[in-house]
């Protein structure tokens, strides 16, 4: 088993640079070439590759499962969510009393402002 290499760097304009204008780590190592070298070593270390099943990558076929449920779910949402909300809004509008400023502006109110 190999340890997983970890690289932690700061990449701001305040970082120290070497003569080649490469940003360097506190020990003086140019970190970008070192990072590329580490990645190359990890890739080429000769360990066995990981076998991944194609079905795990692609996932199940979305056209096969549950497609027939979409119209049913839509109908349930329409009748049990959207319609009750619309009904509640209409009831609120019907029960709403007109505010005094609205009555004043239309001239219906008896009170003078």
PDB file of N, CA and C in Angstrom:
ATOM      1  N   UNK A   1       0.829  -1.200   0.000  1.00  0.00           N
ATOM      2  CA  UNK A   1       0.000   0.000   0.000  1.00  0.00           C
ATOM      3  C   UNK A   1       0.865   1.253   0.000  1.00  0.00           C
ATOM      4  N   UNK A   2       0.414   2.223  -0.757  1.00  0.00           N
ATOM      5  CA  UNK A   2       1.110   3.498  -0.837  1.00  0.00           C
ATOM      6  C   UNK A   2       0.283   4.549  -0.112  1.00  0.00           C
ATOM      7  N   UNK A   3       0.974   5.488   0.501  1.00  0.00           N
ATOM      8  CA  UNK A   3       0.275   6.606   1.128  1.00  0.00           C
ATOM      9  C   UNK A   3      -0.213   7.543   0.033  1.00  0.00           C
ATOM     10  N   UNK A   4      -1.336   8.169   0.271  1.00  0.00           N
ATOM     11  CA  UNK A   4      -1.878   9.113  -0.703  1.00  0.00           C
ATOM     12  C   UNK A   4      -1.128  10.432  -0.554  1.00  0.00           C
ATOM     13  N   UNK A   5      -0.485  10.913  -1.618  1.00  0.00           N
ATOM     14  CA  UNK A   5       0.231  12.188  -1.530  1.00  0.00           C
ATOM     15  C   UNK A   5      -0.741  13.348  -1.365  1.00  0.00           C
ATOM     16  N   UNK A   6      -0.345  14.314  -0.570  1.00  0.00           N
ATOM     17  CA  UNK A   6      -1.165  15.497  -0.331  1.00  0.00           C
ATOM     18  C   UNK A   6      -0.314  16.722  -0.622  1.00  0.00           C
ATOM     19  N   UNK A   7      -0.893  17.688  -1.316  1.00  0.00           N
ATOM     20  CA  UNK A   7      -0.186  18.926  -1.626  1.00  0.00           C
ATOM     21  C   UNK A   7      -1.044  20.081  -1.139  1.00  0.00           C
ATOM     22  N   UNK A   8      -0.446  20.961  -0.350  1.00  0.00           N
ATOM     23  CA  UNK A   8      -1.143  22.142   0.147  1.00  0.00           C
ATOM     24  C   UNK A   8      -0.276  23.348  -0.177  1.00  0.00           C
ATOM     25  N   UNK A   9      -0.794  24.258  -0.974  1.00  0.00           N
ATOM     26  CA  UNK A   9      -0.020  25.430  -1.384  1.00  0.00           C
ATOM     27  C   UNK A   9      -0.902  26.665  -1.355  1.00  0.00           C
ATOM     28  N   UNK A  10      -0.241  27.815  -1.312  1.00  0.00           N
ATOM     29  CA  UNK A  10      -0.941  29.083  -1.472  1.00  0.00           C
ATOM     30  C   UNK A  10      -0.518  29.640  -2.819  1.00  0.00           C
ATOM     31  N   UNK A  11      -1.456  30.117  -3.586  1.00  0.00           N
ATOM     32  CA  UNK A  11      -1.151  30.553  -4.945  1.00  0.00           C
ATOM     33  C   UNK A  11      -1.497  32.030  -5.134  1.00  0.00           C
ATOM     34  N   UNK A  12      -1.119  32.858  -4.187  1.00  0.00           N
ATOM     35  CA  UNK A  12      -1.429  34.281  -4.324  1.00  0.00           C
ATOM     36  C   UNK A  12      -0.219  35.028  -4.878  1.00  0.00           C
ATOM     37  N   UNK A  13      -0.388  36.271  -5.169  1.00  0.00           N
ATOM     38  CA  UNK A  13       0.701  37.090  -5.686  1.00  0.00           C
ATOM     39  C   UNK A  13       1.774  37.372  -4.654  1.00  0.00           C
ATOM     40  N   UNK A  14       1.480  37.149  -3.377  1.00  0.00           N
ATOM     41  CA  UNK A  14       2.448  37.414  -2.313  1.00  0.00           C
ATOM     42  C   UNK A  14       3.408  36.255  -2.091  1.00  0.00           C
ATOM     43  N   UNK A  15       3.191  35.125  -2.779  1.00  0.00           N
ATOM     44  CA  UNK A  15       4.034  33.946  -2.571  1.00  0.00           C
ATOM     45  C   UNK A  15       5.456  34.210  -3.057  1.00  0.00           C
ATOM     46  N   UNK A  16       6.402  33.537  -2.402  1.00  0.00           N
ATOM     47  CA  UNK A  16       7.802  33.639  -2.814  1.00  0.00           C
ATOM     48  C   UNK A  16       7.995  32.970  -4.163  1.00  0.00           C
ATOM     49  N   UNK A  17       8.939  33.515  -4.949  1.00  0.00           N
ATOM     50  CA  UNK A  17       9.231  32.970  -6.277  1.00  0.00           C
ATOM     51  C   UNK A  17      10.727  32.725  -6.390  1.00  0.00           C
ATOM     52  N   UNK A  18      11.088  31.787  -7.268  1.00  0.00           N
ATOM     53  CA  UNK A  18      12.508  31.530  -7.514  1.00  0.00           C
ATOM     54  C   UNK A  18      12.986  32.365  -8.699  1.00  0.00           C
ATOM     55  N   UNK A  19      14.216  32.089  -9.169  1.00  0.00           N
ATOM     56  CA  UNK A  19      14.796  32.866 -10.270  1.00  0.00           C
ATOM     57  C   UNK A  19      14.009  32.701 -11.562  1.00  0.00           C
ATOM     58  N   UNK A  20      13.336  31.554 -11.729  1.00  0.00           N
ATOM     59  CA  UNK A  20      12.556  31.292 -12.946  1.00  0.00           C
ATOM     60  C   UNK A  20      11.140  31.841 -12.845  1.00  0.00           C
ATOM     61  N   UNK A  21      10.870  32.619 -11.802  1.00  0.00           N
ATOM     62  CA  UNK A  21       9.562  33.223 -11.552  1.00  0.00           C
ATOM     63  C   UNK A  21       8.480  32.173 -11.281  1.00  0.00           C
ATOM     64  N   UNK A  22       8.886  31.021 -10.709  1.00  0.00           N
ATOM     65  CA  UNK A  22       7.939  29.984 -10.300  1.00  0.00           C
ATOM     66  C   UNK A  22       7.655  30.149  -8.819  1.00  0.00           C
ATOM     67  N   UNK A  23       6.423  29.966  -8.421  1.00  0.00           N
ATOM     68  CA  UNK A  23       6.078  30.051  -7.007  1.00  0.00           C
ATOM     69  C   UNK A  23       6.660  28.844  -6.291  1.00  0.00           C
ATOM     70  N   UNK A  24       7.236  29.099  -5.115  1.00  0.00           N
ATOM     71  CA  UNK A  24       7.954  28.039  -4.410  1.00  0.00           C
ATOM     72  C   UNK A  24       7.361  27.795  -3.035  1.00  0.00           C
ATOM     73  N   UNK A  25       7.586  26.577  -2.542  1.00  0.00           N
ATOM     74  CA  UNK A  25       7.196  26.194  -1.191  1.00  0.00           C
ATOM     75  C   UNK A  25       8.211  26.766  -0.209  1.00  0.00           C
ATOM     76  N   UNK A  26       7.910  26.737   1.097  1.00  0.00           N
ATOM     77  CA  UNK A  26       8.874  27.267   2.074  1.00  0.00           C
ATOM     78  C   UNK A  26      10.252  26.595   2.003  1.00  0.00           C
ATOM     79  N   UNK A  27      10.317  25.341   1.524  1.00  0.00           N
ATOM     80  CA  UNK A  27      11.620  24.678   1.422  1.00  0.00           C
ATOM     81  C   UNK A  27      12.335  25.006   0.116  1.00  0.00           C
ATOM     82  N   UNK A  28      11.766  25.874  -0.734  1.00  0.00           N
ATOM     83  CA  UNK A  28      12.412  26.299  -1.965  1.00  0.00           C
ATOM     84  C   UNK A  28      12.034  25.489  -3.194  1.00  0.00           C
ATOM     85  N   UNK A  29      11.184  24.482  -3.054  1.00  0.00           N
ATOM     86  CA  UNK A  29      10.777  23.645  -4.178  1.00  0.00           C
ATOM     87  C   UNK A  29       9.696  24.360  -4.982  1.00  0.00           C
ATOM     88  N   UNK A  30       9.880  24.414  -6.306  1.00  0.00           N
ATOM     89  CA  UNK A  30       8.837  24.972  -7.175  1.00  0.00           C
ATOM     90  C   UNK A  30       7.655  24.010  -7.134  1.00  0.00           C
ATOM     91  N   UNK A  31       6.498  24.491  -6.712  1.00  0.00           N
ATOM     92  CA  UNK A  31       5.422  23.552  -6.388  1.00  0.00           C
ATOM     93  C   UNK A  31       4.676  23.022  -7.597  1.00  0.00           C
ATOM     94  N   UNK A  32       4.537  23.763  -8.682  1.00  0.00           N
ATOM     95  CA  UNK A  32       3.787  23.250  -9.836  1.00  0.00           C
ATOM     96  C   UNK A  32       4.524  22.087 -10.496  1.00  0.00           C
ATOM     97  N   UNK A  33       5.834  22.204 -10.800  1.00  0.00           N
ATOM     98  CA  UNK A  33       6.525  21.032 -11.344  1.00  0.00           C
ATOM     99  C   UNK A  33       6.526  19.852 -10.369  1.00  0.00           C
ATOM    100  N   UNK A  34       6.617  20.151  -9.085  1.00  0.00           N
ATOM    101  CA  UNK A  34       6.595  19.080  -8.085  1.00  0.00           C
ATOM    102  C   UNK A  34       5.223  18.394  -8.058  1.00  0.00           C
ATOM    103  N   UNK A  35       4.161  19.172  -8.199  1.00  0.00           N
ATOM    104  CA  UNK A  35       2.816  18.602  -8.234  1.00  0.00           C
ATOM    105  C   UNK A  35       2.645  17.709  -9.457  1.00  0.00           C
ATOM    106  N   UNK A  36       3.104  18.169 -10.616  1.00  0.00           N
ATOM    107  CA  UNK A  36       3.007  17.365 -11.839  1.00  0.00           C
ATOM    108  C   UNK A  36       3.807  16.079 -11.682  1.00  0.00           C
ATOM    109  N   UNK A  37       4.990  16.169 -11.092  1.00  0.00           N
ATOM    110  CA  UNK A  37       5.828  14.982 -10.863  1.00  0.00           C
ATOM    111  C   UNK A  37       5.118  13.995  -9.944  1.00  0.00           C
ATOM    112  N   UNK A  38       4.501  14.500  -8.878  1.00  0.00           N
ATOM    113  CA  UNK A  38       3.793  13.626  -7.940  1.00  0.00           C
ATOM    114  C   UNK A  38       2.608  12.949  -8.614  1.00  0.00           C
ATOM    115  N   UNK A  39       1.852  13.688  -9.410  1.00  0.00           N
ATOM    116  CA  UNK A  39       0.713  13.096 -10.126  1.00  0.00           C
ATOM    117  C   UNK A  39       1.199  12.021 -11.081  1.00  0.00           C
ATOM    118  N   UNK A  40       2.293  12.302 -11.788  1.00  0.00           N
ATOM    119  CA  UNK A  40       2.852  11.320 -12.722  1.00  0.00           C
ATOM    120  C   UNK A  40       3.293  10.062 -11.991  1.00  0.00           C
ATOM    121  N   UNK A  41       3.929  10.222 -10.841  1.00  0.00           N
ATOM    122  CA  UNK A  41       4.363   9.056 -10.059  1.00  0.00           C
ATOM    123  C   UNK A  41       3.174   8.228  -9.598  1.00  0.00           C
ATOM    124  N   UNK A  42       2.114   8.898  -9.173  1.00  0.00           N
ATOM    125  CA  UNK A  42       0.928   8.170  -8.715  1.00  0.00           C
ATOM    126  C   UNK A  42       0.302   7.405  -9.872  1.00  0.00           C
ATOM    127  N   UNK A  43       0.241   8.028 -11.036  1.00  0.00           N
ATOM    128  CA  UNK A  43      -0.375   7.379 -12.193  1.00  0.00           C
ATOM    129  C   UNK A  43       0.469   6.211 -12.685  1.00  0.00           C
ATOM    130  N   UNK A  44       1.774   6.370 -12.676  1.00  0.00           N
ATOM    131  CA  UNK A  44       2.663   5.365 -13.251  1.00  0.00           C
ATOM    132  C   UNK A  44       3.286   4.425 -12.219  1.00  0.00           C
ATOM    133  N   UNK A  45       2.742   4.365 -11.014  1.00  0.00           N
ATOM    134  CA  UNK A  45       3.400   3.579  -9.969  1.00  0.00           C
ATOM    135  C   UNK A  45       3.284   2.078 -10.174  1.00  0.00           C
ATOM    136  N   UNK A  46       2.569   1.618 -11.156  1.00  0.00           N
ATOM    137  CA  UNK A  46       2.506   0.197 -11.457  1.00  0.00           C
ATOM    138  C   UNK A  46       1.513  -0.573 -10.622  1.00  0.00           C
ATOM    139  N   UNK A  47       0.713   0.081  -9.831  1.00  0.00           N
ATOM    140  CA  UNK A  47      -0.280  -0.648  -9.043  1.00  0.00           C
ATOM    141  C   UNK A  47      -1.404  -1.115  -9.958  1.00  0.00           C
ATOM    142  N   UNK A  48      -2.151  -2.074  -9.471  1.00  0.00           N
ATOM    143  CA  UNK A  48      -3.242  -2.601 -10.285  1.00  0.00           C
ATOM    144  C   UNK A  48      -4.331  -1.549 -10.459  1.00  0.00           C
ATOM    145  N   UNK A  49      -4.892  -1.559 -11.624  1.00  0.00           N
ATOM    146  CA  UNK A  49      -5.954  -0.601 -11.897  1.00  0.00           C
ATOM    147  C   UNK A  49      -7.240  -1.045 -11.210  1.00  0.00           C
ATOM    148  N   UNK A  50      -8.122  -0.108 -11.037  1.00  0.00           N
ATOM    149  CA  UNK A  50      -9.416  -0.387 -10.422  1.00  0.00           C
ATOM    150  C   UNK A  50     -10.402  -0.694 -11.538  1.00  0.00           C
ATOM    151  N   UNK A  51     -11.099  -1.809 -11.412  1.00  0.00           N
ATOM    152  CA  UNK A  51     -12.092  -2.185 -12.412  1.00  0.00           C
ATOM    153  C   UNK A  51     -13.442  -1.636 -11.961  1.00  0.00           C
ATOM    154  N   UNK A  52     -14.047  -0.847 -12.819  1.00  0.00           N
ATOM    155  CA  UNK A  52     -15.341  -0.249 -12.509  1.00  0.00           C
ATOM    156  C   UNK A  52     -16.347  -0.757 -13.528  1.00  0.00           C
ATOM    157  N   UNK A  53     -17.460  -1.256 -13.030  1.00  0.00           N
ATOM    158  CA  UNK A  53     -18.505  -1.763 -13.906  1.00  0.00           C
ATOM    159  C   UNK A  53     -19.136  -0.601 -14.674  1.00  0.00           C
ATOM    160  N   UNK A  54     -19.365  -0.791 -15.943  1.00  0.00           N
ATOM    161  CA  UNK A  54     -19.935   0.255 -16.791  1.00  0.00           C
ATOM    162  C   UNK A  54     -21.317   0.687 -16.295  1.00  0.00           C
ATOM    163  N   UNK A  55     -22.080  -0.239 -15.727  1.00  0.00           N
ATOM    164  CA  UNK A  55     -23.418   0.102 -15.229  1.00  0.00           C
ATOM    165  C   UNK A  55     -23.344   1.074 -14.052  1.00  0.00           C
ATOM    166  N   UNK A  56     -22.262   0.987 -13.246  1.00  0.00           N
ATOM    167  CA  UNK A  56     -22.112   1.909 -12.124  1.00  0.00           C
ATOM    168  C   UNK A  56     -21.850   3.333 -12.607  1.00  0.00           C
ATOM    169  N   UNK A  57     -21.149   3.457 -13.713  1.00  0.00           N
ATOM    170  CA  UNK A  57     -20.839   4.784 -14.244  1.00  0.00           C
ATOM    171  C   UNK A  57     -22.062   5.395 -14.915  1.00  0.00           C
ATOM    172  N   UNK A  58     -22.711   4.617 -15.763  1.00  0.00           N
ATOM    173  CA  UNK A  58     -23.834   5.147 -16.535  1.00  0.00           C
ATOM    174  C   UNK A  58     -25.120   5.211 -15.727  1.00  0.00           C
ATOM    175  N   UNK A  59     -25.256   4.367 -14.722  1.00  0.00           N
ATOM    176  CA  UNK A  59     -26.471   4.338 -13.929  1.00  0.00           C
ATOM    177  C   UNK A  59     -27.580   3.598 -14.653  1.00  0.00           C
ATOM    178  N   UNK A  60     -28.713   3.457 -14.008  1.00  0.00           N
ATOM    179  CA  UNK A  60     -29.820   2.750 -14.643  1.00  0.00           C
ATOM    180  C   UNK A  60     -30.424   3.582 -15.773  1.00  0.00           C
ATOM    181  N   UNK A  61     -31.064   2.902 -16.688  1.00  0.00           N
ATOM    182  CA  UNK A  61     -31.712   3.587 -17.803  1.00  0.00           C
ATOM    183  C   UNK A  61     -32.954   4.305 -17.272  1.00  0.00           C
ATOM    184  N   UNK A  62     -32.975   5.636 -17.336  1.00  0.00           N
ATOM    185  CA  UNK A  62     -34.107   6.376 -16.780  1.00  0.00           C
ATOM    186  C   UNK A  62     -35.400   6.159 -17.553  1.00  0.00           C
ATOM    187  N   UNK A  63     -35.307   5.672 -18.781  1.00  0.00           N
ATOM    188  CA  UNK A  63     -36.510   5.460 -19.574  1.00  0.00           C
ATOM    189  C   UNK A  63     -37.238   4.183 -19.188  1.00  0.00           C
ATOM    190  N   UNK A  64     -36.589   3.323 -18.411  1.00  0.00           N
ATOM    191  CA  UNK A  64     -37.203   2.043 -18.076  1.00  0.00           C
ATOM    192  C   UNK A  64     -37.986   2.078 -16.768  1.00  0.00           C
ATOM    193  N   UNK A  65     -37.523   2.848 -15.788  1.00  0.00           N
ATOM    194  CA  UNK A  65     -38.140   2.798 -14.467  1.00  0.00           C
ATOM    195  C   UNK A  65     -39.012   4.013 -14.188  1.00  0.00           C
ATOM    196  N   UNK A  66     -40.225   3.772 -13.797  1.00  0.00           N
ATOM    197  CA  UNK A  66     -41.090   4.813 -13.280  1.00  0.00           C
ATOM    198  C   UNK A  66     -41.608   5.828 -14.273  1.00  0.00           C
ATOM    199  N   UNK A  67     -41.349   5.634 -15.548  1.00  0.00           N
ATOM    200  CA  UNK A  67     -41.792   6.630 -16.525  1.00  0.00           C
ATOM    201  C   UNK A  67     -43.311   6.729 -16.568  1.00  0.00           C
ATOM    202  N   UNK A  68     -43.984   5.614 -16.363  1.00  0.00           N
ATOM    203  CA  UNK A  68     -45.448   5.623 -16.408  1.00  0.00           C
ATOM    204  C   UNK A  68     -46.050   6.357 -15.211  1.00  0.00           C
ATOM    205  N   UNK A  69     -45.265   6.583 -14.146  1.00  0.00           N
ATOM    206  CA  UNK A  69     -45.784   7.263 -12.956  1.00  0.00           C
ATOM    207  C   UNK A  69     -45.829   8.785 -13.106  1.00  0.00           C
ATOM    208  N   UNK A  70     -45.126   9.323 -14.081  1.00  0.00           N
ATOM    209  CA  UNK A  70     -45.042  10.779 -14.218  1.00  0.00           C
ATOM    210  C   UNK A  70     -46.414  11.429 -14.392  1.00  0.00           C
ATOM    211  N   UNK A  71     -47.284  10.964 -15.297  1.00  0.00           N
ATOM    212  CA  UNK A  71     -48.609  11.598 -15.410  1.00  0.00           C
ATOM    213  C   UNK A  71     -49.442  11.458 -14.134  1.00  0.00           C
ATOM    214  N   UNK A  72     -49.317  10.324 -13.462  1.00  0.00           N
ATOM    215  CA  UNK A  72     -50.061  10.119 -12.217  1.00  0.00           C
ATOM    216  C   UNK A  72     -49.594  11.094 -11.137  1.00  0.00           C
ATOM    217  N   UNK A  73     -48.291  11.248 -10.996  1.00  0.00           N
ATOM    218  CA  UNK A  73     -47.750  12.178  -9.999  1.00  0.00           C
ATOM    219  C   UNK A  73     -48.163  13.609 -10.332  1.00  0.00           C
ATOM    220  N   UNK A  74     -48.121  13.965 -11.609  1.00  0.00           N
ATOM    221  CA  UNK A  74     -48.536  15.307 -12.016  1.00  0.00           C
ATOM    222  C   UNK A  74     -50.001  15.555 -11.673  1.00  0.00           C
ATOM    223  N   UNK A  75     -50.860  14.570 -11.951  1.00  0.00           N
ATOM    224  CA  UNK A  75     -52.290  14.719 -11.657  1.00  0.00           C
ATOM    225  C   UNK A  75     -52.518  14.866 -10.157  1.00  0.00           C
ATOM    226  N   UNK A  76     -51.825  14.066  -9.354  1.00  0.00           N
ATOM    227  CA  UNK A  76     -51.968  14.170  -7.897  1.00  0.00           C
ATOM    228  C   UNK A  76     -51.527  15.545  -7.402  1.00  0.00           C
ATOM    229  N   UNK A  77     -50.410  16.031  -7.911  1.00  0.00           N
ATOM    230  CA  UNK A  77     -49.948  17.357  -7.509  1.00  0.00           C
ATOM    231  C   UNK A  77     -50.947  18.437  -7.925  1.00  0.00           C
ATOM    232  N   UNK A  78     -51.494  18.305  -9.112  1.00  0.00           N
ATOM    233  CA  UNK A  78     -52.420  19.315  -9.603  1.00  0.00           C
ATOM    234  C   UNK A  78     -53.668  19.380  -8.730  1.00  0.00           C
ATOM    235  N   UNK A  79     -54.263  18.213  -8.436  1.00  0.00           N
ATOM    236  CA  UNK A  79     -55.525  18.209  -7.699  1.00  0.00           C
ATOM    237  C   UNK A  79     -55.360  18.355  -6.192  1.00  0.00           C
ATOM    238  N   UNK A  80     -54.234  17.929  -5.632  1.00  0.00           N
ATOM    239  CA  UNK A  80     -54.079  17.971  -4.180  1.00  0.00           C
ATOM    240  C   UNK A  80     -53.125  19.045  -3.691  1.00  0.00           C
ATOM    241  N   UNK A  81     -52.447  19.746  -4.590  1.00  0.00           N
ATOM    242  CA  UNK A  81     -51.558  20.821  -4.168  1.00  0.00           C
ATOM    243  C   UNK A  81     -51.955  22.134  -4.839  1.00  0.00           C
ATOM    244  N   UNK A  82     -51.960  22.152  -6.151  1.00  0.00           N
ATOM    245  CA  UNK A  82     -52.192  23.402  -6.876  1.00  0.00           C
ATOM    246  C   UNK A  82     -53.623  23.897  -6.705  1.00  0.00           C
ATOM    247  N   UNK A  83     -54.598  23.019  -6.896  1.00  0.00           N
ATOM    248  CA  UNK A  83     -56.006  23.432  -6.773  1.00  0.00           C
ATOM    249  C   UNK A  83     -56.335  23.947  -5.371  1.00  0.00           C
ATOM    250  N   UNK A  84     -55.943  23.265  -4.283  1.00  0.00           N
ATOM    251  CA  UNK A  84     -56.230  23.817  -2.954  1.00  0.00           C
ATOM    252  C   UNK A  84     -55.568  25.176  -2.717  1.00  0.00           C
ATOM    253  N   UNK A  85     -54.374  25.371  -3.239  1.00  0.00           N
ATOM    254  CA  UNK A  85     -53.718  26.671  -3.076  1.00  0.00           C
ATOM    255  C   UNK A  85     -54.488  27.747  -3.838  1.00  0.00           C
ATOM    256  N   UNK A  86     -54.911  27.446  -5.063  1.00  0.00           N
ATOM    257  CA  UNK A  86     -55.694  28.414  -5.837  1.00  0.00           C
ATOM    258  C   UNK A  86     -57.005  28.739  -5.128  1.00  0.00           C
ATOM    259  N   UNK A  87     -57.660  27.709  -4.575  1.00  0.00           N
ATOM    260  CA  UNK A  87     -58.911  27.921  -3.854  1.00  0.00           C
ATOM    261  C   UNK A  87     -58.692  28.804  -2.625  1.00  0.00           C
ATOM    262  N   UNK A  88     -57.615  28.564  -1.890  1.00  0.00           N
ATOM    263  CA  UNK A  88     -57.325  29.363  -0.698  1.00  0.00           C
ATOM    264  C   UNK A  88     -57.058  30.820  -1.069  1.00  0.00           C
ATOM    265  N   UNK A  89     -56.360  31.045  -2.161  1.00  0.00           N
ATOM    266  CA  UNK A  89     -56.090  32.418  -2.599  1.00  0.00           C
ATOM    267  C   UNK A  89     -57.391  33.121  -2.979  1.00  0.00           C
ATOM    268  N   UNK A  90     -58.261  32.442  -3.720  1.00  0.00           N
ATOM    269  CA  UNK A  90     -59.545  33.045  -4.105  1.00  0.00           C
ATOM    270  C   UNK A  90     -60.399  33.352  -2.882  1.00  0.00           C
ATOM    271  N   UNK A  91     -60.402  32.448  -1.894  1.00  0.00           N
ATOM    272  CA  UNK A  91     -61.164  32.690  -0.660  1.00  0.00           C
ATOM    273  C   UNK A  91     -60.598  33.877   0.103  1.00  0.00           C
ATOM    274  N   UNK A  92     -59.285  33.993   0.174  1.00  0.00           N
ATOM    275  CA  UNK A  92     -58.677  35.132   0.857  1.00  0.00           C
ATOM    276  C   UNK A  92     -59.048  36.443   0.176  1.00  0.00           C
ATOM    277  N   UNK A  93     -59.041  36.435  -1.150  1.00  0.00           N
ATOM    278  CA  UNK A  93     -59.395  37.652  -1.887  1.00  0.00           C
ATOM    279  C   UNK A  93     -60.858  38.013  -1.643  1.00  0.00           C
ATOM    280  N   UNK A  94     -61.741  37.014  -1.615  1.00  0.00           N
ATOM    281  CA  UNK A  94     -63.167  37.274  -1.406  1.00  0.00           C
ATOM    282  C   UNK A  94     -63.443  37.788   0.005  1.00  0.00           C
ATOM    283  N   UNK A  95     -62.711  37.300   1.000  1.00  0.00           N
ATOM    284  CA  UNK A  95     -62.937  37.700   2.394  1.00  0.00           C
ATOM    285  C   UNK A  95     -62.243  39.005   2.759  1.00  0.00           C
ATOM    286  N   UNK A  96     -61.342  39.463   1.935  1.00  0.00           N
ATOM    287  CA  UNK A  96     -60.532  40.625   2.275  1.00  0.00           C
ATOM    288  C   UNK A  96     -61.390  41.880   2.332  1.00  0.00           C
ATOM    289  N   UNK A  97     -61.238  42.623   3.409  1.00  0.00           N
ATOM    290  CA  UNK A  97     -61.929  43.913   3.487  1.00  0.00           C
ATOM    291  C   UNK A  97     -60.998  44.964   2.891  1.00  0.00           C
ATOM    292  N   UNK A  98     -61.604  45.958   2.327  1.00  0.00           N
ATOM    293  CA  UNK A  98     -60.798  46.981   1.674  1.00  0.00           C
ATOM    294  C   UNK A  98     -60.167  47.875   2.731  1.00  0.00           C
ATOM    295  N   UNK A  99     -58.888  48.160   2.600  1.00  0.00           N
ATOM    296  CA  UNK A  99     -58.234  49.038   3.573  1.00  0.00           C
ATOM    297  C   UNK A  99     -58.743  50.475   3.442  1.00  0.00           C
ATOM    298  N   UNK A 100     -58.608  51.236   4.525  1.00  0.00           N
ATOM    299  CA  UNK A 100     -59.148  52.597   4.554  1.00  0.00           C
ATOM    300  C   UNK A 100     -58.508  53.487   3.496  1.00  0.00           C
ATOM    301  N   UNK A 101     -57.233  53.306   3.222  1.00  0.00           N
ATOM    302  CA  UNK A 101     -56.586  54.158   2.213  1.00  0.00           C
ATOM    303  C   UNK A 101     -57.164  53.899   0.827  1.00  0.00           C
ATOM    304  N   UNK A 102     -57.569  52.655   0.566  1.00  0.00           N
ATOM    305  CA  UNK A 102     -58.145  52.350  -0.737  1.00  0.00           C
ATOM    306  C   UNK A 102     -59.538  52.973  -0.845  1.00  0.00           C
ATOM    307  N   UNK A 103     -60.289  52.912   0.227  1.00  0.00           N
ATOM    308  CA  UNK A 103     -61.626  53.512   0.216  1.00  0.00           C
ATOM    309  C   UNK A 103     -61.518  55.027   0.094  1.00  0.00           C
ATOM    310  N   UNK A 104     -60.520  55.626   0.740  1.00  0.00           N
ATOM    311  CA  UNK A 104     -60.314  57.069   0.660  1.00  0.00           C
ATOM    312  C   UNK A 104     -59.998  57.482  -0.772  1.00  0.00           C
ATOM    313  N   UNK A 105     -59.115  56.710  -1.424  1.00  0.00           N
ATOM    314  CA  UNK A 105     -58.699  57.065  -2.780  1.00  0.00           C
ATOM    315  C   UNK A 105     -59.838  56.931  -3.783  1.00  0.00           C
ATOM    316  N   UNK A 106     -60.771  56.029  -3.547  1.00  0.00           N
ATOM    317  CA  UNK A 106     -61.882  55.860  -4.481  1.00  0.00           C
ATOM    318  C   UNK A 106     -63.048  56.777  -4.145  1.00  0.00           C
ATOM    319  N   UNK A 107     -62.990  57.453  -2.991  1.00  0.00           N
ATOM    320  CA  UNK A 107     -64.043  58.372  -2.612  1.00  0.00           C
ATOM    321  C   UNK A 107     -65.240  57.687  -1.991  1.00  0.00           C
ATOM    322  N   UNK A 108     -65.136  56.411  -1.633  1.00  0.00           N
ATOM    323  CA  UNK A 108     -66.259  55.676  -1.071  1.00  0.00           C
ATOM    324  C   UNK A 108     -66.383  55.937   0.422  1.00  0.00           C
ATOM    325  N   UNK A 109     -65.275  56.169   1.076  1.00  0.00           N
ATOM    326  CA  UNK A 109     -65.283  56.321   2.531  1.00  0.00           C
ATOM    327  C   UNK A 109     -65.974  57.593   2.969  1.00  0.00           C
ATOM    328  N   UNK A 110     -66.629  57.549   4.126  1.00  0.00           N
ATOM    329  CA  UNK A 110     -67.343  58.717   4.623  1.00  0.00           C
ATOM    330  C   UNK A 110     -66.416  59.611   5.435  1.00  0.00           C
ATOM    331  N   UNK A 111     -65.314  59.093   5.834  1.00  0.00           N
ATOM    332  CA  UNK A 111     -64.396  59.853   6.669  1.00  0.00           C
ATOM    333  C   UNK A 111     -63.511  60.735   5.795  1.00  0.00           C
ATOM    334  N   UNK A 112     -63.295  61.953   6.233  1.00  0.00           N
ATOM    335  CA  UNK A 112     -62.461  62.882   5.475  1.00  0.00           C
ATOM    336  C   UNK A 112     -61.060  62.869   6.057  1.00  0.00           C
ATOM    337  N   UNK A 113     -60.086  62.864   5.162  1.00  0.00           N
ATOM    338  CA  UNK A 113     -58.684  62.839   5.596  1.00  0.00           C
ATOM    339  C   UNK A 113     -58.004  64.126   5.245  1.00  0.00           C
TER     340      UNK A 113
END
